[in-house]
Protein backbone atom coordinates (compact mmCIF):
# COMPACT_ATOMS: atom_id res chain seq x y z
CA MET A 1 45.29 14.47 -8.71
CA ASP A 2 42.30 14.82 -11.03
CA GLN A 3 40.54 11.97 -9.26
CA LYS A 4 41.09 13.66 -5.91
CA GLN A 5 39.71 16.93 -7.25
CA THR A 6 36.63 15.16 -8.60
CA ASP A 7 36.06 13.46 -5.25
CA ASP A 8 36.39 16.79 -3.45
CA GLU A 9 33.87 18.43 -5.78
CA LEU A 10 31.44 15.53 -5.28
CA ARG A 11 31.81 15.80 -1.52
CA ILE A 12 31.13 19.53 -1.63
CA ASP A 13 28.08 19.03 -3.87
CA LEU A 14 26.62 16.44 -1.51
CA GLN A 15 27.30 18.71 1.41
CA GLU A 16 25.58 21.61 -0.33
CA LEU A 17 22.67 19.35 -1.19
CA PHE A 18 22.34 18.27 2.43
CA TYR A 19 22.32 21.84 3.71
CA MET A 20 19.85 22.83 1.00
CA LEU A 21 17.45 20.13 2.19
CA LEU A 22 18.10 21.08 5.79
CA SER A 23 17.29 24.72 5.07
CA ARG A 24 13.93 23.63 3.63
CA ILE A 25 13.08 21.14 6.36
CA TRP A 26 9.87 23.00 7.22
CA VAL A 27 8.67 22.70 3.63
CA ILE A 28 9.34 18.97 3.73
CA ILE A 29 7.54 18.56 7.06
CA ILE A 30 4.52 20.61 6.00
CA VAL A 31 4.05 18.73 2.72
CA SER A 32 4.49 15.40 4.51
CA VAL A 33 1.84 16.32 7.09
CA LEU A 34 -0.49 17.45 4.31
CA GLY A 35 0.04 14.09 2.58
CA ALA A 36 -0.85 12.26 5.80
CA ALA A 37 -3.93 14.45 6.28
CA ALA A 38 -5.05 13.83 2.69
CA ALA A 39 -4.62 10.06 3.13
CA PHE A 40 -6.68 10.19 6.34
CA CYS A 41 -9.49 12.17 4.72
CA VAL A 42 -9.67 9.86 1.70
CA SER A 43 -9.59 6.72 3.88
CA TYR A 44 -12.14 8.00 6.39
CA PHE A 45 -14.63 9.89 4.23
CA PHE A 46 -14.41 8.41 0.73
CA ILE A 47 -13.62 4.70 1.14
CA THR A 48 -16.41 2.37 2.29
CA PRO A 49 -15.11 0.13 5.10
CA VAL A 50 -15.33 -3.63 4.54
CA TYR A 51 -15.27 -6.42 7.12
CA GLN A 52 -13.70 -9.85 6.90
CA SER A 53 -15.07 -13.07 8.38
CA THR A 54 -13.11 -16.33 8.34
CA THR A 55 -14.10 -19.95 8.84
CA THR A 56 -12.00 -23.11 8.65
CA ALA A 57 -12.67 -26.75 7.91
CA TYR A 58 -10.66 -29.93 8.41
CA ILE A 59 -10.52 -32.41 5.54
CA LEU A 60 -9.40 -35.98 6.19
CA ASP A 61 -10.32 -38.90 3.97
CA ARG A 62 -9.56 -42.29 5.47
CA ARG A 63 -8.88 -44.83 2.73
CA SER A 64 -7.43 -47.60 4.88
CA THR A 65 -9.57 -49.93 7.02
CA GLY A 66 -7.20 -50.00 9.99
CA ALA A 67 -7.53 -47.92 13.14
CA GLU A 68 -4.43 -45.86 12.45
CA LEU A 69 -3.96 -43.30 9.74
CA THR A 70 -1.58 -44.20 6.98
CA GLN A 71 0.71 -42.00 4.94
CA SER A 72 -1.58 -42.61 1.98
CA ASP A 73 -4.55 -41.23 3.94
CA LEU A 74 -2.68 -38.03 4.72
CA GLN A 75 -1.49 -37.56 1.15
CA VAL A 76 -4.96 -38.08 -0.29
CA SER A 77 -6.48 -35.68 2.23
CA THR A 78 -3.90 -33.03 1.40
CA GLN A 79 -4.75 -33.33 -2.30
CA ILE A 80 -8.48 -33.12 -1.54
CA THR A 81 -7.84 -29.93 0.43
CA LYS A 82 -6.08 -28.38 -2.57
CA ASP A 83 -9.01 -29.37 -4.78
CA ALA A 84 -11.42 -27.83 -2.29
CA VAL A 85 -9.68 -24.46 -2.66
CA GLU A 86 -10.80 -24.38 -6.29
CA MET A 87 -14.32 -25.57 -5.47
CA VAL A 88 -14.96 -22.81 -2.93
CA THR A 89 -15.32 -20.18 -5.66
CA SER A 90 -16.94 -22.47 -8.21
CA ARG A 91 -20.17 -21.38 -9.89
CA THR A 92 -22.06 -24.32 -8.35
CA VAL A 93 -21.15 -23.38 -4.78
CA LEU A 94 -21.65 -19.63 -5.14
CA SER A 95 -24.95 -19.98 -6.99
CA ARG A 96 -26.26 -22.12 -4.15
CA VAL A 97 -25.07 -19.57 -1.58
CA ILE A 98 -26.86 -16.76 -3.41
CA GLU A 99 -30.04 -18.84 -3.54
CA VAL A 100 -30.02 -19.85 0.14
CA LEU A 101 -29.20 -16.36 1.49
CA ASN A 102 -31.37 -14.52 -1.07
CA LEU A 103 -28.48 -12.34 -2.17
CA THR A 104 -29.01 -9.83 -4.97
CA GLU A 105 -25.48 -9.92 -6.36
CA SER A 106 -24.15 -12.00 -9.21
CA VAL A 107 -21.87 -15.01 -9.01
CA GLY A 108 -18.96 -12.94 -10.34
CA SER A 109 -19.51 -10.23 -7.75
CA LEU A 110 -19.68 -12.76 -4.91
CA ALA A 111 -16.56 -14.52 -6.19
CA GLY A 112 -14.65 -11.27 -5.73
CA LYS A 113 -15.53 -11.32 -2.02
CA VAL A 114 -14.68 -14.97 -1.33
CA SER A 115 -11.18 -16.41 -1.05
CA ALA A 116 -9.82 -19.76 0.07
CA GLN A 117 -6.40 -21.07 0.90
CA ALA A 118 -4.75 -24.21 2.24
CA SER A 119 -1.29 -24.16 3.77
CA THR A 120 1.28 -26.57 2.45
CA ASP A 121 1.13 -30.08 3.93
CA THR A 122 -1.98 -29.36 6.00
CA ARG A 123 -5.60 -30.44 5.71
CA ILE A 124 -7.05 -27.17 7.01
CA LEU A 125 -9.13 -25.20 4.50
CA LYS A 126 -9.48 -21.49 5.29
CA ILE A 127 -12.39 -19.57 3.77
CA SER A 128 -12.55 -15.78 4.05
CA VAL A 129 -15.31 -13.39 2.99
CA VAL A 130 -15.22 -9.58 2.87
CA ASP A 131 -18.36 -7.44 2.82
CA SER A 132 -19.49 -3.96 3.81
CA ASP A 133 -21.90 -5.56 6.32
CA PRO A 134 -20.12 -7.56 9.08
CA THR A 135 -23.12 -9.79 9.77
CA ARG A 136 -23.59 -10.59 6.10
CA ALA A 137 -19.88 -11.40 5.81
CA ARG A 138 -20.23 -13.98 8.60
CA GLU A 139 -23.37 -15.50 7.11
CA ILE A 140 -21.80 -15.81 3.66
CA ALA A 141 -18.65 -17.42 5.08
CA ASP A 142 -20.63 -20.07 6.97
CA GLU A 143 -22.83 -20.78 3.98
CA VAL A 144 -19.89 -21.04 1.60
CA ARG A 145 -18.29 -23.56 3.93
CA GLN A 146 -21.48 -25.64 4.09
CA GLN A 147 -22.08 -25.56 0.34
CA THR A 148 -18.45 -26.43 -0.32
CA ALA A 149 -18.79 -29.45 1.96
CA GLU A 150 -21.89 -30.62 0.09
CA HIS A 151 -20.22 -30.08 -3.27
CA ILE A 152 -17.11 -32.01 -2.27
CA LYS A 153 -19.21 -34.90 -0.94
CA ASN A 154 -21.23 -35.06 -4.15
CA VAL A 155 -18.30 -34.73 -6.54
CA MET A 156 -15.70 -36.84 -4.72
CA ASP A 157 -18.08 -39.15 -2.88
CA ILE A 158 -16.36 -38.66 0.48
CA GLU A 159 -17.43 -37.75 4.01
CA ALA A 160 -14.27 -35.88 4.90
CA PHE A 161 -15.28 -32.25 5.37
CA ASN A 162 -15.57 -31.27 9.06
CA THR A 163 -16.05 -27.78 10.47
CA ASN A 164 -13.05 -26.65 12.45
CA GLU A 165 -14.15 -23.09 13.29
CA GLU A 166 -17.40 -21.27 12.67
CA ALA A 167 -17.18 -17.90 10.95
CA ASN A 168 -16.38 -15.06 13.32
CA GLN A 169 -18.39 -11.87 13.73
CA PRO A 170 -16.12 -8.98 12.61
CA THR A 171 -15.94 -6.07 15.04
CA ALA A 172 -13.46 -3.83 13.22
CA PRO A 173 -13.07 -3.00 9.53
CA TYR A 174 -10.64 -5.10 7.55
CA SER A 175 -10.12 -2.27 5.07
CA PRO A 176 -9.20 0.55 4.79
CA ASN A 177 -6.29 0.42 7.22
CA ILE A 178 -6.33 4.08 8.23
CA PRO A 179 -3.07 4.14 10.28
CA LYS A 180 -1.22 2.41 7.46
CA ASN A 181 -2.67 4.77 4.83
CA VAL A 182 -1.78 7.82 6.93
CA LEU A 183 1.79 6.58 7.27
CA LEU A 184 2.00 5.92 3.52
CA GLY A 185 0.61 9.40 2.80
CA PHE A 186 3.21 10.97 5.09
CA PHE A 187 6.12 9.18 3.43
CA ALA A 188 4.70 9.83 -0.04
CA GLY A 189 4.66 13.56 0.69
CA LEU A 190 8.14 13.38 2.17
CA ILE A 191 9.66 11.51 -0.77
CA LEU A 192 7.89 13.65 -3.37
CA THR A 193 9.05 16.89 -1.73
CA VAL A 194 12.65 15.70 -1.46
CA ILE A 195 12.64 14.59 -5.11
CA VAL A 196 11.30 17.97 -6.27
CA LEU A 197 13.84 19.90 -4.19
CA ILE A 198 16.72 17.76 -5.43
CA ALA A 199 15.56 18.12 -9.04
CA ARG A 200 15.43 21.90 -8.69
CA TYR A 201 18.88 21.90 -7.13
CA VAL A 202 20.40 19.73 -9.87
CA LEU A 203 18.77 21.68 -12.71
CA ASP A 204 19.72 25.07 -11.27
CA ASP A 205 22.84 26.14 -13.22
CA THR A 206 23.01 29.74 -11.98
CA VAL A 207 26.27 31.01 -10.49
CA LYS A 208 25.82 31.95 -6.85
CA THR A 209 29.24 31.86 -5.17
CA PRO A 210 32.88 32.57 -6.12
CA ASP A 211 33.48 28.82 -5.95
CA ASP A 212 30.87 28.36 -8.68
CA VAL A 213 32.76 30.80 -10.91
CA GLU A 214 35.99 28.86 -10.53
CA ARG A 215 34.30 25.49 -10.87
CA TYR A 216 32.03 26.08 -13.88
CA LEU A 217 33.79 28.95 -15.75
CA GLY A 218 37.38 28.13 -14.97
CA LEU A 219 38.10 31.73 -13.96
CA SER A 220 39.92 32.95 -10.89
CA VAL A 221 38.03 35.33 -8.64
CA LEU A 222 40.18 38.27 -7.59
CA GLY A 223 37.67 39.70 -5.20
CA SER A 224 34.00 40.02 -4.33
CA ILE A 225 31.81 42.86 -3.14
CA PRO A 226 29.62 41.93 -0.18
CA VAL A 227 26.03 43.08 -0.49
CA SER A 228 24.21 43.91 2.72
CA GLU A 229 20.56 43.18 3.30
CA GLU A 230 19.84 46.89 3.51
CA MET A 231 21.31 47.40 0.03
CA ASN A 232 19.15 44.57 -1.30
CA LYS A 233 16.06 46.23 0.13
CA ARG A 234 16.98 49.57 -1.44
CA THR A 235 17.60 47.92 -4.81
CA ARG A 236 14.23 46.19 -4.75
CA HIS A 237 12.51 49.40 -3.64
CA SER A 238 14.16 51.39 -6.44
CA THR A 239 13.16 48.78 -9.00
CA LYS A 240 9.53 48.95 -7.87
CA LYS A 241 9.53 52.75 -8.20
CA LYS A 242 10.88 52.58 -11.74
CA LYS A 243 8.24 50.05 -12.74
CA ALA A 244 5.51 52.17 -11.19
CA GLY A 245 6.75 55.28 -13.04
CA ARG A 246 6.75 53.43 -16.36
CA SER A 247 3.21 52.22 -15.82
CA ILE A 248 1.97 55.79 -15.10
CA LYS A 249 3.52 57.12 -18.33
């Protein structure tokens, strides 16, 4: 019996919570739209767009003298590709890129713009560069690929680094992603508003209905006096007059 009563009270509370949120749906929508608008303004006016250019290279080191590739050739080439990922952002490669392109930034700054990756069990090395200038991003990507090839040949004494794709010329910003940021801003405003409304509802311990009296005070309500809207207006008007009279005295 007690369990059933608890379940009923929980159901009523959830129902009241739902209707409370529903009654404030316009507040939720307005704040959500404002969050989306704020995200758009920040992304469009305050964040400098950056562009990404990508180039790829194929690494295959033939160790056998036969015409066909062996399993050993493929395994060695895969390992070389993994080593090349680390060499792309090495000080030797980036210093040479800065020297050739006459860049004014440091090796550390350039390293933050360059990334490399090799998928598992492949011999394709992917080099990506981000920069605020799309043309400079393409030039850096191509030069990093060339300097990486030279570095690998000098260090490993192999001729296995072949260009698969030249760096592309970016036509659209890589970041910021304005549609994504606007969507995140909308949902951030939505979630924040709902959390605040729920917190206010949970922390509000005032008695508002006869059911609240029975539930929280354990008292039976014999009757209630309905208050019309007109009576509320008169009460508020009378209260204002009293306050005004006190201030005059």
